[in-house]
Amino acid sequence: MTTDDASLIETDWLTLPELVEVLGEPLGRVRRLLDDLHLVGSRRDGVFKVPAVFIVDGEPLSSLRGTVFALHDAGFTDDEAIDWLLAPEDTIGVAPIEALRAGRKSEVRRVARTLA
């Protein structure tokens, strides 16, 4: 289940050093946020990056973690989860990440759970 990059919403992609700067946290803490799925990233253009839309006001989007768990439970890899979050979703009307940022966590997770 891969999505054409052209269909993904526009977002900057942050490298680990950029995440350290944006989050104001040491690299070890940033890696822990990734390990604990507070953030999720993937290799893009050969470099590990995280979509900037996953960060709000200098913090990981709080509703992201549970949504990533729901996607993993549905069998998604990190790459597939990121692509799903960034691609328009007909049942939601917008890309899931946009719905999460608008506070529509329950709706996004309900759709994510149906994907298994």
PDB file of N, CA and C in Angstrom:
ATOM      1  N   MET A   1       0.838  -1.177   0.000  1.00  0.00           N
ATOM      2  CA  MET A   1       0.000   0.000   0.000  1.00  0.00           C
ATOM      3  C   MET A   1       0.880   1.237   0.000  1.00  0.00           C
ATOM      4  N   THR A   2       1.336   1.628  -1.149  1.00  0.00           N
ATOM      5  CA  THR A   2       2.142   2.832  -1.235  1.00  0.00           C
ATOM      6  C   THR A   2       1.350   3.893  -1.970  1.00  0.00           C
ATOM      7  N   THR A   3       1.612   5.128  -1.619  1.00  0.00           N
ATOM      8  CA  THR A   3       0.900   6.251  -2.183  1.00  0.00           C
ATOM      9  C   THR A   3       1.866   7.049  -3.031  1.00  0.00           C
ATOM     10  N   ASP A   4       1.394   7.540  -4.153  1.00  0.00           N
ATOM     11  CA  ASP A   4       2.197   8.400  -5.005  1.00  0.00           C
ATOM     12  C   ASP A   4       2.532   9.671  -4.221  1.00  0.00           C
ATOM     13  N   ASP A   5       3.822  10.014  -4.133  1.00  0.00           N
ATOM     14  CA  ASP A   5       4.230  11.188  -3.363  1.00  0.00           C
ATOM     15  C   ASP A   5       3.508  12.451  -3.803  1.00  0.00           C
ATOM     16  N   ALA A   6       3.110  12.531  -5.066  1.00  0.00           N
ATOM     17  CA  ALA A   6       2.430  13.724  -5.571  1.00  0.00           C
ATOM     18  C   ALA A   6       1.065  13.910  -4.932  1.00  0.00           C
ATOM     19  N   SER A   7       0.467  12.834  -4.421  1.00  0.00           N
ATOM     20  CA  SER A   7      -0.861  12.951  -3.823  1.00  0.00           C
ATOM     21  C   SER A   7      -0.802  13.294  -2.333  1.00  0.00           C
ATOM     22  N   LEU A   8       0.385  13.330  -1.757  1.00  0.00           N
ATOM     23  CA  LEU A   8       0.519  13.652  -0.338  1.00  0.00           C
ATOM     24  C   LEU A   8       0.420  15.159  -0.128  1.00  0.00           C
ATOM     25  N   ILE A   9      -0.108  15.572   1.030  1.00  0.00           N
ATOM     26  CA  ILE A   9      -0.193  16.999   1.313  1.00  0.00           C
ATOM     27  C   ILE A   9       1.209  17.581   1.411  1.00  0.00           C
ATOM     28  N   GLU A  10       1.312  18.863   1.143  1.00  0.00           N
ATOM     29  CA  GLU A  10       2.595  19.549   1.205  1.00  0.00           C
ATOM     30  C   GLU A  10       3.045  19.671   2.661  1.00  0.00           C
ATOM     31  N   THR A  11       4.250  19.260   2.924  1.00  0.00           N
ATOM     32  CA  THR A  11       4.826  19.434   4.248  1.00  0.00           C
ATOM     33  C   THR A  11       6.338  19.466   4.114  1.00  0.00           C
ATOM     34  N   ASP A  12       6.972  20.176   5.010  1.00  0.00           N
ATOM     35  CA  ASP A  12       8.425  20.093   5.095  1.00  0.00           C
ATOM     36  C   ASP A  12       8.755  18.783   5.789  1.00  0.00           C
ATOM     37  N   TRP A  13       9.937  18.273   5.509  1.00  0.00           N
ATOM     38  CA  TRP A  13      10.418  17.044   6.154  1.00  0.00           C
ATOM     39  C   TRP A  13      11.638  17.417   6.976  1.00  0.00           C
ATOM     40  N   LEU A  14      11.632  17.058   8.252  1.00  0.00           N
ATOM     41  CA  LEU A  14      12.689  17.439   9.180  1.00  0.00           C
ATOM     42  C   LEU A  14      13.643  16.282   9.448  1.00  0.00           C
ATOM     43  N   THR A  15      14.934  16.569   9.336  1.00  0.00           N
ATOM     44  CA  THR A  15      15.960  15.589   9.670  1.00  0.00           C
ATOM     45  C   THR A  15      16.124  15.560  11.196  1.00  0.00           C
ATOM     46  N   LEU A  16      16.882  14.598  11.698  1.00  0.00           N
ATOM     47  CA  LEU A  16      17.103  14.536  13.151  1.00  0.00           C
ATOM     48  C   LEU A  16      17.701  15.830  13.700  1.00  0.00           C
ATOM     49  N   PRO A  17      18.761  16.399  13.075  1.00  0.00           N
ATOM     50  CA  PRO A  17      19.284  17.665  13.613  1.00  0.00           C
ATOM     51  C   PRO A  17      18.232  18.788  13.605  1.00  0.00           C
ATOM     52  N   GLU A  18      17.380  18.813  12.590  1.00  0.00           N
ATOM     53  CA  GLU A  18      16.324  19.826  12.545  1.00  0.00           C
ATOM     54  C   GLU A  18      15.284  19.576  13.630  1.00  0.00           C
ATOM     55  N   LEU A  19      14.978  18.305  13.906  1.00  0.00           N
ATOM     56  CA  LEU A  19      14.045  17.969  14.982  1.00  0.00           C
ATOM     57  C   LEU A  19      14.585  18.419  16.336  1.00  0.00           C
ATOM     58  N   VAL A  20      15.877  18.209  16.554  1.00  0.00           N
ATOM     59  CA  VAL A  20      16.513  18.652  17.805  1.00  0.00           C
ATOM     60  C   VAL A  20      16.278  20.153  17.988  1.00  0.00           C
ATOM     61  N   GLU A  21      16.454  20.903  16.911  1.00  0.00           N
ATOM     62  CA  GLU A  21      16.290  22.352  16.971  1.00  0.00           C
ATOM     63  C   GLU A  21      14.819  22.747  17.172  1.00  0.00           C
ATOM     64  N   VAL A  22      13.920  22.167  16.388  1.00  0.00           N
ATOM     65  CA  VAL A  22      12.500  22.525  16.449  1.00  0.00           C
ATOM     66  C   VAL A  22      11.889  22.154  17.801  1.00  0.00           C
ATOM     67  N   LEU A  23      12.243  20.978  18.311  1.00  0.00           N
ATOM     68  CA  LEU A  23      11.684  20.501  19.575  1.00  0.00           C
ATOM     69  C   LEU A  23      12.404  21.065  20.793  1.00  0.00           C
ATOM     70  N   GLY A  24      13.633  21.570  20.581  1.00  0.00           N
ATOM     71  CA  GLY A  24      14.409  22.083  21.708  1.00  0.00           C
ATOM     72  C   GLY A  24      14.807  20.991  22.678  1.00  0.00           C
ATOM     73  N   GLU A  25      15.006  19.791  22.137  1.00  0.00           N
ATOM     74  CA  GLU A  25      15.348  18.630  22.963  1.00  0.00           C
ATOM     75  C   GLU A  25      16.672  18.048  22.484  1.00  0.00           C
ATOM     76  N   PRO A  26      17.433  17.397  23.379  1.00  0.00           N
ATOM     77  CA  PRO A  26      18.662  16.732  22.939  1.00  0.00           C
ATOM     78  C   PRO A  26      18.338  15.544  22.034  1.00  0.00           C
ATOM     79  N   LEU A  27      19.325  15.130  21.245  1.00  0.00           N
ATOM     80  CA  LEU A  27      19.139  14.046  20.288  1.00  0.00           C
ATOM     81  C   LEU A  27      18.617  12.775  20.957  1.00  0.00           C
ATOM     82  N   GLY A  28      19.116  12.438  22.138  1.00  0.00           N
ATOM     83  CA  GLY A  28      18.656  11.241  22.840  1.00  0.00           C
ATOM     84  C   GLY A  28      17.159  11.286  23.116  1.00  0.00           C
ATOM     85  N   ARG A  29      16.663  12.441  23.525  1.00  0.00           N
ATOM     86  CA  ARG A  29      15.227  12.599  23.802  1.00  0.00           C
ATOM     87  C   ARG A  29      14.423  12.494  22.501  1.00  0.00           C
ATOM     88  N   VAL A  30      14.933  13.087  21.407  1.00  0.00           N
ATOM     89  CA  VAL A  30      14.254  13.008  20.114  1.00  0.00           C
ATOM     90  C   VAL A  30      14.168  11.548  19.669  1.00  0.00           C
ATOM     91  N   ARG A  31      15.253  10.809  19.834  1.00  0.00           N
ATOM     92  CA  ARG A  31      15.243   9.384  19.470  1.00  0.00           C
ATOM     93  C   ARG A  31      14.222   8.611  20.317  1.00  0.00           C
ATOM     94  N   ARG A  32      14.100   8.966  21.602  1.00  0.00           N
ATOM     95  CA  ARG A  32      13.120   8.320  22.481  1.00  0.00           C
ATOM     96  C   ARG A  32      11.691   8.629  22.012  1.00  0.00           C
ATOM     97  N   LEU A  33      11.450   9.862  21.592  1.00  0.00           N
ATOM     98  CA  LEU A  33      10.127  10.219  21.064  1.00  0.00           C
ATOM     99  C   LEU A  33       9.795   9.366  19.843  1.00  0.00           C
ATOM    100  N   LEU A  34      10.792   9.096  19.009  1.00  0.00           N
ATOM    101  CA  LEU A  34      10.600   8.239  17.839  1.00  0.00           C
ATOM    102  C   LEU A  34      10.399   6.783  18.253  1.00  0.00           C
ATOM    103  N   ASP A  35      11.227   6.299  19.175  1.00  0.00           N
ATOM    104  CA  ASP A  35      11.114   4.912  19.637  1.00  0.00           C
ATOM    105  C   ASP A  35       9.754   4.645  20.276  1.00  0.00           C
ATOM    106  N   ASP A  36       9.238   5.648  21.009  1.00  0.00           N
ATOM    107  CA  ASP A  36       7.969   5.493  21.721  1.00  0.00           C
ATOM    108  C   ASP A  36       6.764   5.888  20.859  1.00  0.00           C
ATOM    109  N   LEU A  37       7.015   6.181  19.575  1.00  0.00           N
ATOM    110  CA  LEU A  37       5.981   6.514  18.588  1.00  0.00           C
ATOM    111  C   LEU A  37       5.224   7.806  18.884  1.00  0.00           C
ATOM    112  N   HIS A  38       5.843   8.713  19.629  1.00  0.00           N
ATOM    113  CA  HIS A  38       5.262  10.050  19.759  1.00  0.00           C
ATOM    114  C   HIS A  38       5.451  10.782  18.430  1.00  0.00           C
ATOM    115  N   LEU A  39       6.473  10.365  17.693  1.00  0.00           N
ATOM    116  CA  LEU A  39       6.744  10.830  16.334  1.00  0.00           C
ATOM    117  C   LEU A  39       7.060   9.612  15.487  1.00  0.00           C
ATOM    118  N   VAL A  40       6.838   9.723  14.194  1.00  0.00           N
ATOM    119  CA  VAL A  40       7.158   8.633  13.283  1.00  0.00           C
ATOM    120  C   VAL A  40       7.786   9.253  12.036  1.00  0.00           C
ATOM    121  N   GLY A  41       8.815   8.576  11.542  1.00  0.00           N
ATOM    122  CA  GLY A  41       9.500   9.083  10.361  1.00  0.00           C
ATOM    123  C   GLY A  41       9.932   7.944   9.466  1.00  0.00           C
ATOM    124  N   SER A  42      10.534   8.302   8.363  1.00  0.00           N
ATOM    125  CA  SER A  42      11.015   7.287   7.424  1.00  0.00           C
ATOM    126  C   SER A  42      12.130   7.875   6.572  1.00  0.00           C
ATOM    127  N   ARG A  43      12.780   6.988   5.852  1.00  0.00           N
ATOM    128  CA  ARG A  43      13.846   7.436   4.955  1.00  0.00           C
ATOM    129  C   ARG A  43      13.220   8.024   3.707  1.00  0.00           C
ATOM    130  N   ARG A  44      13.510   9.271   3.450  1.00  0.00           N
ATOM    131  CA  ARG A  44      13.076   9.959   2.238  1.00  0.00           C
ATOM    132  C   ARG A  44      14.333  10.550   1.620  1.00  0.00           C
ATOM    133  N   ASP A  45      14.551  10.256   0.360  1.00  0.00           N
ATOM    134  CA  ASP A  45      15.776  10.701  -0.323  1.00  0.00           C
ATOM    135  C   ASP A  45      17.018  10.212   0.415  1.00  0.00           C
ATOM    136  N   GLY A  46      16.943   9.015   1.015  1.00  0.00           N
ATOM    137  CA  GLY A  46      18.090   8.414   1.677  1.00  0.00           C
ATOM    138  C   GLY A  46      18.383   8.915   3.074  1.00  0.00           C
ATOM    139  N   VAL A  47      17.585   9.869   3.565  1.00  0.00           N
ATOM    140  CA  VAL A  47      17.816  10.461   4.885  1.00  0.00           C
ATOM    141  C   VAL A  47      16.565  10.257   5.735  1.00  0.00           C
ATOM    142  N   PHE A  48      16.755   9.895   7.010  1.00  0.00           N
ATOM    143  CA  PHE A  48      15.620   9.728   7.910  1.00  0.00           C
ATOM    144  C   PHE A  48      15.007  11.097   8.194  1.00  0.00           C
ATOM    145  N   LYS A  49      13.688  11.206   7.962  1.00  0.00           N
ATOM    146  CA  LYS A  49      12.998  12.484   8.148  1.00  0.00           C
ATOM    147  C   LYS A  49      11.618  12.253   8.747  1.00  0.00           C
ATOM    148  N   VAL A  50      11.111  13.299   9.383  1.00  0.00           N
ATOM    149  CA  VAL A  50       9.782  13.308   9.981  1.00  0.00           C
ATOM    150  C   VAL A  50       9.002  14.466   9.365  1.00  0.00           C
ATOM    151  N   PRO A  51       7.753  14.223   8.965  1.00  0.00           N
ATOM    152  CA  PRO A  51       6.957  15.332   8.430  1.00  0.00           C
ATOM    153  C   PRO A  51       6.768  16.440   9.473  1.00  0.00           C
ATOM    154  N   ALA A  52       6.991  17.671   9.059  1.00  0.00           N
ATOM    155  CA  ALA A  52       6.874  18.810   9.977  1.00  0.00           C
ATOM    156  C   ALA A  52       5.448  18.967  10.508  1.00  0.00           C
ATOM    157  N   VAL A  53       4.440  18.512   9.753  1.00  0.00           N
ATOM    158  CA  VAL A  53       3.046  18.644  10.220  1.00  0.00           C
ATOM    159  C   VAL A  53       2.758  17.767  11.433  1.00  0.00           C
ATOM    160  N   PHE A  54       3.679  16.872  11.785  1.00  0.00           N
ATOM    161  CA  PHE A  54       3.509  16.037  12.975  1.00  0.00           C
ATOM    162  C   PHE A  54       3.865  16.805  14.249  1.00  0.00           C
ATOM    163  N   ILE A  55       4.336  18.042  14.097  1.00  0.00           N
ATOM    164  CA  ILE A  55       4.749  18.854  15.243  1.00  0.00           C
ATOM    165  C   ILE A  55       3.866  20.102  15.299  1.00  0.00           C
ATOM    166  N   VAL A  56       3.345  20.391  16.484  1.00  0.00           N
ATOM    167  CA  VAL A  56       2.495  21.558  16.692  1.00  0.00           C
ATOM    168  C   VAL A  56       3.043  22.327  17.892  1.00  0.00           C
ATOM    169  N   ASP A  57       3.312  23.598  17.694  1.00  0.00           N
ATOM    170  CA  ASP A  57       3.815  24.464  18.769  1.00  0.00           C
ATOM    171  C   ASP A  57       5.045  23.872  19.461  1.00  0.00           C
ATOM    172  N   GLY A  58       5.960  23.321  18.672  1.00  0.00           N
ATOM    173  CA  GLY A  58       7.210  22.802  19.220  1.00  0.00           C
ATOM    174  C   GLY A  58       7.095  21.480  19.954  1.00  0.00           C
ATOM    175  N   GLU A  59       5.962  20.804  19.809  1.00  0.00           N
ATOM    176  CA  GLU A  59       5.730  19.512  20.469  1.00  0.00           C
ATOM    177  C   GLU A  59       5.171  18.525  19.453  1.00  0.00           C
ATOM    178  N   PRO A  60       5.416  17.218  19.666  1.00  0.00           N
ATOM    179  CA  PRO A  60       4.746  16.238  18.807  1.00  0.00           C
ATOM    180  C   PRO A  60       3.227  16.367  18.969  1.00  0.00           C
ATOM    181  N   LEU A  61       2.490  16.258  17.872  1.00  0.00           N
ATOM    182  CA  LEU A  61       1.035  16.297  17.917  1.00  0.00           C
ATOM    183  C   LEU A  61       0.550  15.212  18.870  1.00  0.00           C
ATOM    184  N   SER A  62      -0.192  15.589  19.900  1.00  0.00           N
ATOM    185  CA  SER A  62      -0.537  14.638  20.966  1.00  0.00           C
ATOM    186  C   SER A  62      -1.376  13.459  20.465  1.00  0.00           C
ATOM    187  N   SER A  63      -2.199  13.665  19.455  1.00  0.00           N
ATOM    188  CA  SER A  63      -3.065  12.582  18.973  1.00  0.00           C
ATOM    189  C   SER A  63      -2.366  11.659  17.973  1.00  0.00           C
ATOM    190  N   LEU A  64      -1.117  11.968  17.629  1.00  0.00           N
ATOM    191  CA  LEU A  64      -0.409  11.167  16.634  1.00  0.00           C
ATOM    192  C   LEU A  64      -0.091   9.762  17.157  1.00  0.00           C
ATOM    193  N   ARG A  65       0.378   9.671  18.390  1.00  0.00           N
ATOM    194  CA  ARG A  65       0.867   8.394  18.923  1.00  0.00           C
ATOM    195  C   ARG A  65      -0.195   7.291  18.873  1.00  0.00           C
ATOM    196  N   GLY A  66      -1.358   7.554  19.414  1.00  0.00           N
ATOM    197  CA  GLY A  66      -2.414   6.547  19.426  1.00  0.00           C
ATOM    198  C   GLY A  66      -2.876   6.179  18.028  1.00  0.00           C
ATOM    199  N   THR A  67      -2.838   7.159  17.135  1.00  0.00           N
ATOM    200  CA  THR A  67      -3.228   6.905  15.748  1.00  0.00           C
ATOM    201  C   THR A  67      -2.203   6.002  15.073  1.00  0.00           C
ATOM    202  N   VAL A  68      -0.925   6.232  15.325  1.00  0.00           N
ATOM    203  CA  VAL A  68       0.121   5.368  14.751  1.00  0.00           C
ATOM    204  C   VAL A  68      -0.017   3.954  15.305  1.00  0.00           C
ATOM    205  N   PHE A  69      -0.326   3.822  16.602  1.00  0.00           N
ATOM    206  CA  PHE A  69      -0.564   2.490  17.170  1.00  0.00           C
ATOM    207  C   PHE A  69      -1.718   1.799  16.447  1.00  0.00           C
ATOM    208  N   ALA A  70      -2.807   2.532  16.199  1.00  0.00           N
ATOM    209  CA  ALA A  70      -3.962   1.951  15.494  1.00  0.00           C
ATOM    210  C   ALA A  70      -3.564   1.498  14.092  1.00  0.00           C
ATOM    211  N   LEU A  71      -2.746   2.294  13.414  1.00  0.00           N
ATOM    212  CA  LEU A  71      -2.293   1.923  12.065  1.00  0.00           C
ATOM    213  C   LEU A  71      -1.361   0.710  12.115  1.00  0.00           C
ATOM    214  N   HIS A  72      -0.472   0.660  13.095  1.00  0.00           N
ATOM    215  CA  HIS A  72       0.400  -0.514  13.250  1.00  0.00           C
ATOM    216  C   HIS A  72      -0.446  -1.760  13.520  1.00  0.00           C
ATOM    217  N   ASP A  73      -1.479  -1.604  14.358  1.00  0.00           N
ATOM    218  CA  ASP A  73      -2.374  -2.735  14.636  1.00  0.00           C
ATOM    219  C   ASP A  73      -3.066  -3.208  13.363  1.00  0.00           C
ATOM    220  N   ALA A  74      -3.283  -2.297  12.412  1.00  0.00           N
ATOM    221  CA  ALA A  74      -3.927  -2.634  11.140  1.00  0.00           C
ATOM    222  C   ALA A  74      -2.914  -3.209  10.145  1.00  0.00           C
ATOM    223  N   GLY A  75      -1.649  -3.333  10.573  1.00  0.00           N
ATOM    224  CA  GLY A  75      -0.638  -3.947   9.721  1.00  0.00           C
ATOM    225  C   GLY A  75       0.204  -2.974   8.911  1.00  0.00           C
ATOM    226  N   PHE A  76       0.078  -1.682   9.184  1.00  0.00           N
ATOM    227  CA  PHE A  76       0.838  -0.679   8.451  1.00  0.00           C
ATOM    228  C   PHE A  76       2.280  -0.604   8.944  1.00  0.00           C
ATOM    229  N   THR A  77       3.213  -0.406   8.022  1.00  0.00           N
ATOM    230  CA  THR A  77       4.591  -0.071   8.384  1.00  0.00           C
ATOM    231  C   THR A  77       4.633   1.420   8.690  1.00  0.00           C
ATOM    232  N   ASP A  78       5.759   1.908   9.207  1.00  0.00           N
ATOM    233  CA  ASP A  78       5.888   3.346   9.446  1.00  0.00           C
ATOM    234  C   ASP A  78       5.699   4.130   8.148  1.00  0.00           C
ATOM    235  N   ASP A  79       6.328   3.679   7.058  1.00  0.00           N
ATOM    236  CA  ASP A  79       6.187   4.368   5.762  1.00  0.00           C
ATOM    237  C   ASP A  79       4.729   4.421   5.329  1.00  0.00           C
ATOM    238  N   GLU A  80       4.038   3.305   5.438  1.00  0.00           N
ATOM    239  CA  GLU A  80       2.628   3.257   5.036  1.00  0.00           C
ATOM    240  C   GLU A  80       1.768   4.140   5.932  1.00  0.00           C
ATOM    241  N   ALA A  81       2.063   4.154   7.234  1.00  0.00           N
ATOM    242  CA  ALA A  81       1.309   4.997   8.168  1.00  0.00           C
ATOM    243  C   ALA A  81       1.489   6.469   7.815  1.00  0.00           C
ATOM    244  N   ILE A  82       2.721   6.867   7.543  1.00  0.00           N
ATOM    245  CA  ILE A  82       2.990   8.259   7.178  1.00  0.00           C
ATOM    246  C   ILE A  82       2.245   8.617   5.899  1.00  0.00           C
ATOM    247  N   ASP A  83       2.343   7.756   4.897  1.00  0.00           N
ATOM    248  CA  ASP A  83       1.665   8.036   3.625  1.00  0.00           C
ATOM    249  C   ASP A  83       0.154   8.142   3.827  1.00  0.00           C
ATOM    250  N   TRP A  84      -0.434   7.263   4.647  1.00  0.00           N
ATOM    251  CA  TRP A  84      -1.878   7.324   4.891  1.00  0.00           C
ATOM    252  C   TRP A  84      -2.235   8.623   5.601  1.00  0.00           C
ATOM    253  N   LEU A  85      -1.437   9.008   6.587  1.00  0.00           N
ATOM    254  CA  LEU A  85      -1.718  10.239   7.334  1.00  0.00           C
ATOM    255  C   LEU A  85      -1.658  11.479   6.443  1.00  0.00           C
ATOM    256  N   LEU A  86      -0.789  11.448   5.434  1.00  0.00           N
ATOM    257  CA  LEU A  86      -0.570  12.628   4.591  1.00  0.00           C
ATOM    258  C   LEU A  86      -1.413  12.641   3.321  1.00  0.00           C
ATOM    259  N   ALA A  87      -2.064  11.536   2.993  1.00  0.00           N
ATOM    260  CA  ALA A  87      -2.841  11.456   1.749  1.00  0.00           C
ATOM    261  C   ALA A  87      -4.313  11.769   2.021  1.00  0.00           C
ATOM    262  N   PRO A  88      -4.975  12.411   1.070  1.00  0.00           N
ATOM    263  CA  PRO A  88      -6.413  12.657   1.242  1.00  0.00           C
ATOM    264  C   PRO A  88      -7.155  11.345   1.483  1.00  0.00           C
ATOM    265  N   GLU A  89      -8.082  11.362   2.420  1.00  0.00           N
ATOM    266  CA  GLU A  89      -8.867  10.175   2.774  1.00  0.00           C
ATOM    267  C   GLU A  89     -10.339  10.516   2.554  1.00  0.00           C
ATOM    268  N   ASP A  90     -10.961   9.838   1.603  1.00  0.00           N
ATOM    269  CA  ASP A  90     -12.339  10.143   1.216  1.00  0.00           C
ATOM    270  C   ASP A  90     -13.316  10.082   2.386  1.00  0.00           C
ATOM    271  N   THR A  91     -13.169   9.091   3.268  1.00  0.00           N
ATOM    272  CA  THR A  91     -14.134   8.923   4.354  1.00  0.00           C
ATOM    273  C   THR A  91     -14.028  10.036   5.400  1.00  0.00           C
ATOM    274  N   ILE A  92     -12.893  10.753   5.411  1.00  0.00           N
ATOM    275  CA  ILE A  92     -12.694  11.843   6.365  1.00  0.00           C
ATOM    276  C   ILE A  92     -12.907  13.199   5.676  1.00  0.00           C
ATOM    277  N   GLY A  93     -12.636  13.244   4.378  1.00  0.00           N
ATOM    278  CA  GLY A  93     -12.810  14.474   3.623  1.00  0.00           C
ATOM    279  C   GLY A  93     -11.546  15.303   3.473  1.00  0.00           C
ATOM    280  N   VAL A  94     -10.531  14.979   4.256  1.00  0.00           N
ATOM    281  CA  VAL A  94      -9.225  15.646   4.189  1.00  0.00           C
ATOM    282  C   VAL A  94      -8.163  14.595   4.510  1.00  0.00           C
ATOM    283  N   ALA A  95      -6.908  14.982   4.428  1.00  0.00           N
ATOM    284  CA  ALA A  95      -5.848  14.077   4.866  1.00  0.00           C
ATOM    285  C   ALA A  95      -6.007  13.847   6.372  1.00  0.00           C
ATOM    286  N   PRO A  96      -5.808  12.603   6.829  1.00  0.00           N
ATOM    287  CA  PRO A  96      -5.965  12.317   8.264  1.00  0.00           C
ATOM    288  C   PRO A  96      -5.161  13.249   9.175  1.00  0.00           C
ATOM    289  N   ILE A  97      -3.960  13.635   8.776  1.00  0.00           N
ATOM    290  CA  ILE A  97      -3.158  14.517   9.636  1.00  0.00           C
ATOM    291  C   ILE A  97      -3.853  15.863   9.795  1.00  0.00           C
ATOM    292  N   GLU A  98      -4.517  16.340   8.751  1.00  0.00           N
ATOM    293  CA  GLU A  98      -5.242  17.612   8.861  1.00  0.00           C
ATOM    294  C   GLU A  98      -6.410  17.467   9.839  1.00  0.00           C
ATOM    295  N   ALA A  99      -7.087  16.319   9.790  1.00  0.00           N
ATOM    296  CA  ALA A  99      -8.186  16.067  10.721  1.00  0.00           C
ATOM    297  C   ALA A  99      -7.664  15.973  12.157  1.00  0.00           C
ATOM    298  N   LEU A 100      -6.524  15.305  12.349  1.00  0.00           N
ATOM    299  CA  LEU A 100      -5.939  15.210  13.697  1.00  0.00           C
ATOM    300  C   LEU A 100      -5.591  16.601  14.221  1.00  0.00           C
ATOM    301  N   ARG A 101      -4.993  17.418  13.379  1.00  0.00           N
ATOM    302  CA  ARG A 101      -4.605  18.771  13.794  1.00  0.00           C
ATOM    303  C   ARG A 101      -5.833  19.627  14.107  1.00  0.00           C
ATOM    304  N   ALA A 102      -6.991  19.256  13.526  1.00  0.00           N
ATOM    305  CA  ALA A 102      -8.233  19.989  13.781  1.00  0.00           C
ATOM    306  C   ALA A 102      -9.002  19.410  14.968  1.00  0.00           C
ATOM    307  N   GLY A 103      -8.416  18.406  15.650  1.00  0.00           N
ATOM    308  CA  GLY A 103      -9.048  17.842  16.840  1.00  0.00           C
ATOM    309  C   GLY A 103     -10.029  16.717  16.562  1.00  0.00           C
ATOM    310  N   ARG A 104      -9.958  16.121  15.386  1.00  0.00           N
ATOM    311  CA  ARG A 104     -10.898  15.057  15.015  1.00  0.00           C
ATOM    312  C   ARG A 104     -10.279  13.669  15.219  1.00  0.00           C
ATOM    313  N   LYS A 105      -9.647  13.471  16.362  1.00  0.00           N
ATOM    314  CA  LYS A 105      -8.914  12.243  16.672  1.00  0.00           C
ATOM    315  C   LYS A 105      -9.790  10.998  16.612  1.00  0.00           C
ATOM    316  N   SER A 106     -10.965  11.033  17.220  1.00  0.00           N
ATOM    317  CA  SER A 106     -11.826   9.845  17.265  1.00  0.00           C
ATOM    318  C   SER A 106     -12.210   9.386  15.866  1.00  0.00           C
ATOM    319  N   GLU A 107     -12.562  10.332  15.009  1.00  0.00           N
ATOM    320  CA  GLU A 107     -12.953  10.004  13.638  1.00  0.00           C
ATOM    321  C   GLU A 107     -11.797   9.356  12.880  1.00  0.00           C
ATOM    322  N   VAL A 108     -10.607   9.937  13.001  1.00  0.00           N
ATOM    323  CA  VAL A 108      -9.433   9.409  12.301  1.00  0.00           C
ATOM    324  C   VAL A 108      -9.109   7.998  12.787  1.00  0.00           C
ATOM    325  N   ARG A 109      -9.133   7.792  14.091  1.00  0.00           N
ATOM    326  CA  ARG A 109      -8.803   6.464  14.629  1.00  0.00           C
ATOM    327  C   ARG A 109      -9.870   5.436  14.268  1.00  0.00           C
ATOM    328  N   ARG A 110     -11.125   5.843  14.212  1.00  0.00           N
ATOM    329  CA  ARG A 110     -12.183   4.914  13.818  1.00  0.00           C
ATOM    330  C   ARG A 110     -11.937   4.441  12.388  1.00  0.00           C
ATOM    331  N   VAL A 111     -11.583   5.357  11.488  1.00  0.00           N
ATOM    332  CA  VAL A 111     -11.286   4.976  10.107  1.00  0.00           C
ATOM    333  C   VAL A 111     -10.036   4.098  10.068  1.00  0.00           C
ATOM    334  N   ALA A 112      -9.004   4.459  10.828  1.00  0.00           N
ATOM    335  CA  ALA A 112      -7.756   3.696  10.844  1.00  0.00           C
ATOM    336  C   ALA A 112      -8.007   2.236  11.273  1.00  0.00           C
ATOM    337  N   ARG A 113      -8.887   2.058  12.251  1.00  0.00           N
ATOM    338  CA  ARG A 113      -9.169   0.707  12.739  1.00  0.00           C
ATOM    339  C   ARG A 113      -9.903  -0.148  11.702  1.00  0.00           C
ATOM    340  N   THR A 114     -10.580   0.479  10.743  1.00  0.00           N
ATOM    341  CA  THR A 114     -11.288  -0.280   9.707  1.00  0.00           C
ATOM    342  C   THR A 114     -10.370  -0.736   8.603  1.00  0.00           C
ATOM    343  N   LEU A 115      -9.116  -0.323   8.613  1.00  0.00           N
ATOM    344  CA  LEU A 115      -8.191  -0.612   7.531  1.00  0.00           C
ATOM    345  C   LEU A 115      -7.526  -1.987   7.636  1.00  0.00           C
ATOM    346  N   ALA A 116      -7.685  -2.634   8.769  1.00  0.00           N
ATOM    347  CA  ALA A 116      -7.015  -3.928   8.982  1.00  0.00           C
ATOM    348  C   ALA A 116      -7.495  -4.980   7.993  1.00  0.00           C
TER     349      ALA A 116
END
